[in-house]
Amino acid sequence: MSFEITTGEGNAHVFLAVDAYLDFVFQLGVERDRKPETVLKNVYNLLENPDFTKHLGKGFTLVLEEFQELAPRIEAIIGGEQGKILFNKALNNTIANPVLLALRDTLRGKEKR
């Protein structure tokens, strides 16, 4: 998942991955764009994340709501680690929304201090 934020240097995109089974969020990167190469870079970032690598080899599914045009390239990256890809907006939103709401609430709490 990614969401856009405004910074002093312009807009940026925060890339996150959520493990729905472990209830764990991986912060993958903050980028200036969501171009195909940037998306693929963040798939690699997930596979290199120390908290994710300890679960590799057991199979996993990336659930994305967009970037279907990158499916063959993403499958090539994750296939060697028994990864699969599923494009399903509703399921992606079900997984992502609690994280985004918690992040929003955390940021609002900091504003009140």
N, C-alpha and C. Protein backbone atom coordinates (compact mmCIF):
# COMPACT_ATOMS: atom_id res chain seq x y z
N MET A 1 0.85 -1.16 0.00
CA MET A 1 0.00 0.00 0.00
C MET A 1 0.89 1.22 0.00
N SER A 2 0.38 2.28 -0.51
CA SER A 2 1.08 3.55 -0.42
C SER A 2 0.06 4.65 -0.22
N PHE A 3 0.51 5.73 0.40
CA PHE A 3 -0.34 6.90 0.53
C PHE A 3 0.55 8.12 0.38
N GLU A 4 -0.09 9.19 -0.04
CA GLU A 4 0.64 10.42 -0.34
C GLU A 4 0.64 11.34 0.87
N ILE A 5 1.80 11.97 1.10
CA ILE A 5 1.92 12.96 2.16
C ILE A 5 2.54 14.22 1.54
N THR A 6 2.35 15.33 2.22
CA THR A 6 2.96 16.58 1.79
C THR A 6 4.14 16.87 2.70
N THR A 7 5.26 17.20 2.08
CA THR A 7 6.47 17.53 2.84
C THR A 7 6.92 18.93 2.45
N GLY A 8 7.92 19.42 3.12
CA GLY A 8 8.48 20.73 2.78
C GLY A 8 9.11 20.75 1.41
N GLU A 9 9.43 19.59 0.88
CA GLU A 9 10.06 19.49 -0.43
C GLU A 9 9.07 19.05 -1.52
N GLY A 10 7.80 18.98 -1.19
CA GLY A 10 6.79 18.55 -2.14
C GLY A 10 6.11 17.27 -1.68
N ASN A 11 5.33 16.68 -2.55
CA ASN A 11 4.60 15.47 -2.21
C ASN A 11 5.53 14.26 -2.18
N ALA A 12 5.18 13.30 -1.34
CA ALA A 12 5.94 12.05 -1.25
C ALA A 12 4.94 10.91 -1.06
N HIS A 13 5.38 9.71 -1.37
CA HIS A 13 4.55 8.52 -1.24
C HIS A 13 5.21 7.60 -0.22
N VAL A 14 4.44 7.22 0.79
CA VAL A 14 4.93 6.29 1.82
C VAL A 14 4.47 4.90 1.41
N PHE A 15 5.43 3.98 1.28
CA PHE A 15 5.13 2.60 0.90
C PHE A 15 5.17 1.73 2.15
N LEU A 16 4.08 0.99 2.37
CA LEU A 16 3.96 0.07 3.51
C LEU A 16 3.49 -1.28 3.02
N ALA A 17 3.81 -2.30 3.78
CA ALA A 17 3.24 -3.63 3.57
C ALA A 17 2.68 -4.08 4.90
N VAL A 18 1.59 -4.81 4.87
CA VAL A 18 0.95 -5.28 6.09
C VAL A 18 0.88 -6.79 6.05
N ASP A 19 1.34 -7.43 7.11
CA ASP A 19 1.16 -8.87 7.26
C ASP A 19 -0.12 -9.06 8.04
N ALA A 20 -1.18 -9.46 7.34
CA ALA A 20 -2.50 -9.58 7.98
C ALA A 20 -2.54 -10.69 9.01
N TYR A 21 -1.70 -11.70 8.88
CA TYR A 21 -1.70 -12.82 9.83
C TYR A 21 -0.95 -12.47 11.10
N LEU A 22 0.17 -11.79 10.95
CA LEU A 22 0.97 -11.42 12.12
C LEU A 22 0.58 -10.07 12.69
N ASP A 23 -0.30 -9.34 11.99
CA ASP A 23 -0.71 -8.00 12.40
C ASP A 23 0.53 -7.12 12.56
N PHE A 24 1.32 -7.08 11.49
CA PHE A 24 2.61 -6.38 11.51
C PHE A 24 2.70 -5.49 10.28
N VAL A 25 3.25 -4.29 10.44
CA VAL A 25 3.39 -3.35 9.34
C VAL A 25 4.87 -3.18 9.02
N PHE A 26 5.20 -3.24 7.75
CA PHE A 26 6.56 -3.03 7.26
C PHE A 26 6.61 -1.68 6.57
N GLN A 27 7.47 -0.79 7.02
CA GLN A 27 7.67 0.48 6.35
C GLN A 27 8.76 0.26 5.31
N LEU A 28 8.40 0.38 4.04
CA LEU A 28 9.31 0.01 2.96
C LEU A 28 10.10 1.19 2.40
N GLY A 29 9.52 2.35 2.39
CA GLY A 29 10.23 3.49 1.86
C GLY A 29 9.34 4.70 1.69
N VAL A 30 9.99 5.83 1.51
CA VAL A 30 9.30 7.08 1.19
C VAL A 30 9.91 7.56 -0.12
N GLU A 31 9.06 7.74 -1.11
CA GLU A 31 9.52 8.02 -2.47
C GLU A 31 8.82 9.25 -3.02
N ARG A 32 9.42 9.86 -4.01
CA ARG A 32 8.84 11.05 -4.65
C ARG A 32 7.75 10.70 -5.66
N ASP A 33 7.67 9.44 -6.08
CA ASP A 33 6.70 9.07 -7.11
C ASP A 33 6.21 7.64 -6.90
N ARG A 34 5.25 7.25 -7.76
CA ARG A 34 4.72 5.88 -7.76
C ARG A 34 4.89 5.26 -9.15
N LYS A 35 5.98 5.60 -9.79
CA LYS A 35 6.27 5.05 -11.10
C LYS A 35 6.51 3.55 -10.99
N PRO A 36 6.38 2.82 -12.09
CA PRO A 36 6.58 1.37 -12.04
C PRO A 36 7.90 0.94 -11.39
N GLU A 37 8.99 1.60 -11.72
CA GLU A 37 10.28 1.22 -11.14
C GLU A 37 10.31 1.45 -9.63
N THR A 38 9.61 2.47 -9.17
CA THR A 38 9.54 2.75 -7.74
C THR A 38 8.73 1.67 -7.02
N VAL A 39 7.63 1.25 -7.62
CA VAL A 39 6.82 0.18 -7.04
C VAL A 39 7.64 -1.10 -6.94
N LEU A 40 8.34 -1.44 -8.01
CA LEU A 40 9.15 -2.66 -8.02
C LEU A 40 10.28 -2.58 -6.99
N LYS A 41 10.88 -1.42 -6.86
CA LYS A 41 11.93 -1.22 -5.85
C LYS A 41 11.40 -1.54 -4.45
N ASN A 42 10.15 -1.15 -4.19
CA ASN A 42 9.58 -1.39 -2.87
C ASN A 42 9.17 -2.84 -2.67
N VAL A 43 8.89 -3.57 -3.74
CA VAL A 43 8.69 -5.01 -3.62
C VAL A 43 10.01 -5.66 -3.19
N TYR A 44 11.11 -5.24 -3.82
CA TYR A 44 12.43 -5.72 -3.39
C TYR A 44 12.71 -5.33 -1.94
N ASN A 45 12.34 -4.10 -1.56
CA ASN A 45 12.55 -3.66 -0.17
C ASN A 45 11.84 -4.58 0.81
N LEU A 46 10.64 -5.03 0.46
CA LEU A 46 9.92 -5.96 1.32
C LEU A 46 10.69 -7.26 1.48
N LEU A 47 11.16 -7.80 0.36
CA LEU A 47 11.88 -9.08 0.41
C LEU A 47 13.21 -8.98 1.16
N GLU A 48 13.73 -7.77 1.29
CA GLU A 48 14.99 -7.57 2.00
C GLU A 48 14.79 -7.11 3.44
N ASN A 49 13.56 -6.86 3.84
CA ASN A 49 13.29 -6.40 5.20
C ASN A 49 13.59 -7.52 6.19
N PRO A 50 14.42 -7.27 7.20
CA PRO A 50 14.80 -8.32 8.15
C PRO A 50 13.62 -8.99 8.85
N ASP A 51 12.57 -8.21 9.12
CA ASP A 51 11.39 -8.79 9.78
C ASP A 51 10.60 -9.67 8.83
N PHE A 52 10.73 -9.43 7.53
CA PHE A 52 10.02 -10.25 6.54
C PHE A 52 10.85 -11.46 6.14
N THR A 53 12.15 -11.30 6.04
CA THR A 53 13.00 -12.40 5.54
C THR A 53 12.93 -13.64 6.42
N LYS A 54 12.68 -13.47 7.70
CA LYS A 54 12.61 -14.65 8.56
C LYS A 54 11.40 -15.53 8.26
N HIS A 55 10.47 -15.03 7.46
CA HIS A 55 9.29 -15.81 7.09
C HIS A 55 9.33 -16.31 5.64
N LEU A 56 10.38 -15.96 4.92
CA LEU A 56 10.48 -16.38 3.52
C LEU A 56 10.61 -17.90 3.42
N GLY A 57 10.14 -18.41 2.31
CA GLY A 57 10.18 -19.85 2.09
C GLY A 57 8.92 -20.56 2.55
N LYS A 58 8.05 -19.84 3.25
CA LYS A 58 6.81 -20.43 3.75
C LYS A 58 5.62 -20.07 2.86
N GLY A 59 5.87 -19.27 1.84
CA GLY A 59 4.81 -18.82 0.95
C GLY A 59 4.12 -17.58 1.49
N PHE A 60 3.74 -16.71 0.60
CA PHE A 60 3.01 -15.50 0.98
C PHE A 60 2.28 -14.99 -0.25
N THR A 61 1.30 -14.14 0.00
CA THR A 61 0.54 -13.53 -1.08
C THR A 61 0.55 -12.02 -0.91
N LEU A 62 0.97 -11.31 -1.94
CA LEU A 62 0.84 -9.86 -1.95
C LEU A 62 -0.54 -9.53 -2.49
N VAL A 63 -1.28 -8.75 -1.75
CA VAL A 63 -2.62 -8.33 -2.17
C VAL A 63 -2.54 -6.85 -2.52
N LEU A 64 -2.71 -6.56 -3.79
CA LEU A 64 -2.62 -5.19 -4.28
C LEU A 64 -3.95 -4.77 -4.88
N GLU A 65 -4.21 -3.47 -4.85
CA GLU A 65 -5.43 -2.98 -5.48
C GLU A 65 -5.17 -2.44 -6.87
N GLU A 66 -3.92 -2.20 -7.20
CA GLU A 66 -3.58 -1.65 -8.51
C GLU A 66 -2.23 -2.18 -8.97
N PHE A 67 -1.76 -1.68 -10.07
CA PHE A 67 -0.49 -2.07 -10.68
C PHE A 67 -0.56 -3.43 -11.37
N GLN A 68 -1.74 -3.79 -11.88
CA GLN A 68 -1.89 -5.05 -12.61
C GLN A 68 -0.91 -5.16 -13.77
N GLU A 69 -0.59 -4.02 -14.37
CA GLU A 69 0.34 -4.04 -15.50
C GLU A 69 1.75 -4.49 -15.10
N LEU A 70 2.04 -4.48 -13.81
CA LEU A 70 3.35 -4.92 -13.31
C LEU A 70 3.35 -6.38 -12.84
N ALA A 71 2.21 -7.06 -12.98
CA ALA A 71 2.09 -8.42 -12.45
C ALA A 71 3.22 -9.35 -12.90
N PRO A 72 3.55 -9.43 -14.18
CA PRO A 72 4.64 -10.35 -14.57
C PRO A 72 5.97 -10.01 -13.91
N ARG A 73 6.24 -8.73 -13.78
CA ARG A 73 7.51 -8.32 -13.17
C ARG A 73 7.51 -8.59 -11.67
N ILE A 74 6.39 -8.34 -11.00
CA ILE A 74 6.29 -8.62 -9.56
C ILE A 74 6.39 -10.12 -9.32
N GLU A 75 5.68 -10.91 -10.13
CA GLU A 75 5.74 -12.36 -10.00
C GLU A 75 7.17 -12.88 -10.18
N ALA A 76 7.92 -12.27 -11.09
CA ALA A 76 9.32 -12.68 -11.29
C ALA A 76 10.17 -12.38 -10.05
N ILE A 77 9.84 -11.30 -9.35
CA ILE A 77 10.59 -10.94 -8.15
C ILE A 77 10.25 -11.86 -6.98
N ILE A 78 8.97 -12.14 -6.78
CA ILE A 78 8.54 -12.86 -5.57
C ILE A 78 8.42 -14.37 -5.78
N GLY A 79 8.38 -14.81 -7.03
CA GLY A 79 8.16 -16.23 -7.31
C GLY A 79 9.21 -17.14 -6.72
N GLY A 80 10.45 -16.70 -6.69
CA GLY A 80 11.52 -17.52 -6.14
C GLY A 80 11.41 -17.71 -4.63
N GLU A 81 10.60 -16.90 -4.00
CA GLU A 81 10.38 -17.00 -2.55
C GLU A 81 9.00 -17.58 -2.24
N GLN A 82 8.43 -18.29 -3.18
CA GLN A 82 7.10 -18.89 -3.06
C GLN A 82 6.01 -17.84 -2.85
N GLY A 83 6.23 -16.66 -3.44
CA GLY A 83 5.25 -15.59 -3.34
C GLY A 83 4.25 -15.63 -4.48
N LYS A 84 3.06 -15.16 -4.18
CA LYS A 84 1.99 -15.04 -5.17
C LYS A 84 1.47 -13.62 -5.11
N ILE A 85 0.73 -13.25 -6.15
CA ILE A 85 0.15 -11.92 -6.19
C ILE A 85 -1.34 -12.03 -6.47
N LEU A 86 -2.10 -11.19 -5.81
CA LEU A 86 -3.55 -11.15 -5.98
C LEU A 86 -3.96 -9.68 -6.09
N PHE A 87 -4.71 -9.36 -7.12
CA PHE A 87 -5.22 -8.00 -7.29
C PHE A 87 -6.68 -8.01 -6.86
N ASN A 88 -6.94 -7.39 -5.70
CA ASN A 88 -8.28 -7.39 -5.14
C ASN A 88 -8.42 -6.13 -4.29
N LYS A 89 -9.09 -5.15 -4.82
CA LYS A 89 -9.22 -3.86 -4.14
C LYS A 89 -9.93 -3.99 -2.79
N ALA A 90 -11.02 -4.74 -2.75
CA ALA A 90 -11.78 -4.87 -1.50
C ALA A 90 -10.95 -5.53 -0.41
N LEU A 91 -10.25 -6.60 -0.73
CA LEU A 91 -9.42 -7.26 0.27
C LEU A 91 -8.26 -6.38 0.69
N ASN A 92 -7.65 -5.69 -0.27
CA ASN A 92 -6.57 -4.77 0.05
C ASN A 92 -7.06 -3.71 1.03
N ASN A 93 -8.22 -3.16 0.77
CA ASN A 93 -8.78 -2.13 1.66
C ASN A 93 -9.10 -2.69 3.05
N THR A 94 -9.58 -3.92 3.11
CA THR A 94 -9.88 -4.56 4.40
C THR A 94 -8.61 -4.69 5.24
N ILE A 95 -7.51 -5.01 4.58
CA ILE A 95 -6.23 -5.16 5.28
C ILE A 95 -5.62 -3.80 5.61
N ALA A 96 -5.69 -2.87 4.68
CA ALA A 96 -5.00 -1.58 4.83
C ALA A 96 -5.73 -0.59 5.73
N ASN A 97 -7.04 -0.58 5.70
CA ASN A 97 -7.78 0.46 6.42
C ASN A 97 -7.48 0.52 7.92
N PRO A 98 -7.41 -0.58 8.65
CA PRO A 98 -7.07 -0.47 10.08
C PRO A 98 -5.70 0.19 10.31
N VAL A 99 -4.75 -0.08 9.44
CA VAL A 99 -3.43 0.52 9.57
C VAL A 99 -3.50 2.02 9.32
N LEU A 100 -4.21 2.40 8.26
CA LEU A 100 -4.32 3.82 7.94
C LEU A 100 -5.09 4.58 9.02
N LEU A 101 -6.13 3.97 9.58
CA LEU A 101 -6.88 4.62 10.67
C LEU A 101 -6.02 4.77 11.92
N ALA A 102 -5.24 3.74 12.25
CA ALA A 102 -4.36 3.82 13.42
C ALA A 102 -3.29 4.89 13.21
N LEU A 103 -2.76 4.98 12.02
CA LEU A 103 -1.77 6.01 11.71
C LEU A 103 -2.39 7.39 11.84
N ARG A 104 -3.58 7.55 11.29
CA ARG A 104 -4.29 8.83 11.40
C ARG A 104 -4.51 9.20 12.86
N ASP A 105 -4.97 8.24 13.66
CA ASP A 105 -5.24 8.51 15.06
C ASP A 105 -3.96 8.87 15.82
N THR A 106 -2.88 8.21 15.47
CA THR A 106 -1.59 8.51 16.10
C THR A 106 -1.16 9.93 15.76
N LEU A 107 -1.29 10.31 14.51
CA LEU A 107 -0.89 11.64 14.09
C LEU A 107 -1.80 12.71 14.71
N ARG A 108 -3.06 12.43 14.83
CA ARG A 108 -3.98 13.37 15.48
C ARG A 108 -3.64 13.53 16.95
N GLY A 109 -3.26 12.44 17.59
CA GLY A 109 -2.87 12.49 19.00
C GLY A 109 -1.66 13.37 19.20
N LYS A 110 -0.71 13.33 18.29
CA LYS A 110 0.48 14.16 18.39
C LYS A 110 0.15 15.63 18.17
N GLU A 111 -0.86 15.91 17.33
CA GLU A 111 -1.27 17.29 17.09
C GLU A 111 -1.87 17.91 18.35
N LYS A 112 -2.52 17.12 19.19
CA LYS A 112 -3.21 17.61 20.37
C LYS A 112 -2.23 17.95 21.49
N ARG A 113 -1.04 17.41 21.44
CA ARG A 113 -0.08 17.61 22.55
C ARG A 113 0.50 18.99 22.57
